[in-house]
Amino acid sequence: MRYWIKFAKEGELCFISHLDLQRCWQRCMRRAGLPVAYSAGFSPHMRLSFASALPVGATSEAEYAEVWFARPIAADEWQRLQAAMPEGFTLLGRREVPDGAASLMSLIAASGWLVAVDGHEHGELSAALQRLISSVELPVVRNSKKGKKTVDLRPSILNVGLCGREVRMLLKTGEGGGAKPQEVLAAAGLFAFQPVRRTGLYILAGQRLQSPLEVALNKNEVIINEQKDYYQL
């Protein structure tokens, strides 16, 4: 029995690494006494993974864990899991996943971000973002194990706009690569004075994006649920 579980990661928990996040979830599920499924082989481990690694220092209102259990989980067991979690982790929703569905990590195609910026008037911010969107190319240099490489950010920026003095971004992400919010800000000549916040993770179906808890799943097929909110590309 597989579940996709949505949770928030707030406060000082923004400073724990992806590996520490995994260890924390393992401890919490043991404390809650949940029947987590284990892998086979000489070194069995909990069948637990996450949709997309969150950068250290970022908070999130839309993280997702993918967990396999030996049987369906009752409502009181989910309550025990929440009670076992440290302050800053909040369970927000869940769904059962049918057999044959792809891994959540492989399905994630975009992420939403909210970033507070400082030192600029509203008109300056608006103009900076307009120049960003109008750019044909946005080359940035990244360091990799094979040395430095130049990447064009522009194809990975799906949408960007202002919400008061905060910048909202919708960026490509996932196994195919994508843009980082700090890179997008730097390309616009802006900087964040508060931790960036992830507001959503989305699955792509056709030319539309929808959250993992809202898409329709039919074995190995992902379908947009038109009764729920979605983003049209």
Foldseek 3Di string as FASTA:
>chain_A
DKKKWWKWADDPSLQDFPVVVVVQLVVLLVQLVFQFDWDDDPDIDGPKDWQDTDHRQETERTTIMMTHGPDDDDPVSVVSSQVSHDPRMDTDDMDDADAQADDNNQFWWKWKKKFAFDDDDPVLVQVLVVVLLPDPWQWDWDQDPVGIDIDTQNVQWPDWDDDPRMIMTMGTDGPVHIDDPQSSQVSSVTHGPHHMYIYAIWGDDPQKTDGPVQWDDDNHDTHHDVVDDIGGD
